[in-house]
Amino acid sequence: MHRAYKYRFYPTPEQAQLLAQTFGCTRFVYNHVLRWRTDAFFQRQERGGYLEANAELTRLKRSGELP
């Protein structure tokens, strides 16, 4: 037998803003890595795994282009 619980969350305006920013950053990182892996496959027939994706994120962070 499985149970499920539902919780309702009513964030304050400050919390809602912080959540929106966090989810936006998460979406940006996911889409960036997805684009990087797709380009690597279609241009060079390379498959990027976890370690290569992690290295790409490190390069992105150190590039200084993004806050």
Protein backbone atom coordinates (compact mmCIF):
# COMPACT_ATOMS: atom_id res chain seq x y z
CA MET A 1 0.00 0.00 0.00
CA HIS A 2 1.36 3.40 -1.00
CA ARG A 3 0.46 6.69 0.59
CA ALA A 4 0.70 10.15 -0.82
CA TYR A 5 0.62 13.45 0.95
CA LYS A 6 -0.15 16.81 -0.59
CA TYR A 7 1.07 20.04 0.91
CA ARG A 8 0.09 23.53 -0.08
CA PHE A 9 2.72 26.25 0.00
CA TYR A 10 1.92 29.95 0.21
CA PRO A 11 5.19 31.80 -0.28
CA THR A 12 5.68 35.40 0.67
CA PRO A 13 6.48 37.77 -2.22
CA GLU A 14 10.20 37.61 -1.34
CA GLN A 15 10.11 33.80 -1.30
CA ALA A 16 8.21 33.72 -4.60
CA GLN A 17 10.84 35.94 -6.20
CA LEU A 18 13.68 33.77 -4.89
CA LEU A 19 11.93 30.59 -6.08
CA ALA A 20 11.39 32.08 -9.55
CA GLN A 21 15.06 33.08 -9.74
CA THR A 22 16.21 29.63 -8.59
CA PHE A 23 13.99 27.80 -11.07
CA GLY A 24 15.09 30.15 -13.84
CA CYS A 25 18.76 29.42 -13.10
CA THR A 26 18.06 25.69 -13.01
CA ARG A 27 16.25 25.87 -16.35
CA PHE A 28 19.14 27.86 -17.89
CA VAL A 29 21.75 25.31 -16.74
CA TYR A 30 19.69 22.36 -17.99
CA ASN A 31 19.12 23.98 -21.39
CA HIS A 32 22.79 25.00 -21.70
CA VAL A 33 24.03 21.45 -21.08
CA LEU A 34 21.36 20.01 -23.35
CA ARG A 35 22.46 22.36 -26.17
CA TRP A 36 26.13 21.52 -25.54
CA ARG A 37 25.48 17.77 -25.69
CA THR A 38 23.25 18.07 -28.78
CA ASP A 39 25.83 20.17 -30.63
CA ALA A 40 28.63 17.80 -29.67
CA PHE A 41 26.70 14.83 -31.00
CA PHE A 42 25.51 16.31 -34.28
CA GLN A 43 28.73 18.19 -35.13
CA ARG A 44 31.41 15.76 -33.93
CA GLN A 45 29.50 12.52 -33.21
CA GLU A 46 30.69 12.69 -29.60
CA ARG A 47 28.68 11.58 -26.63
CA GLY A 48 29.21 13.71 -23.55
CA GLY A 49 28.72 12.02 -20.22
CA TYR A 50 28.47 13.33 -16.69
CA LEU A 51 32.15 14.23 -16.32
CA GLU A 52 32.25 16.16 -19.59
CA ALA A 53 29.01 18.00 -18.73
CA ASN A 54 30.41 18.85 -15.31
CA ALA A 55 33.57 20.24 -16.95
CA GLU A 56 31.41 22.31 -19.31
CA LEU A 57 29.52 23.81 -16.37
CA THR A 58 32.81 24.64 -14.68
CA ARG A 59 33.96 26.42 -17.87
CA LEU A 60 30.66 28.30 -17.98
CA LYS A 61 31.03 29.45 -14.36
CA ARG A 62 34.64 30.54 -14.83
CA SER A 63 34.01 32.39 -18.09
CA GLY A 64 32.61 35.39 -16.20
CA GLU A 65 29.93 36.02 -18.81
CA LEU A 66 27.08 35.31 -16.41
CA PRO A 67 26.38 36.67 -12.96
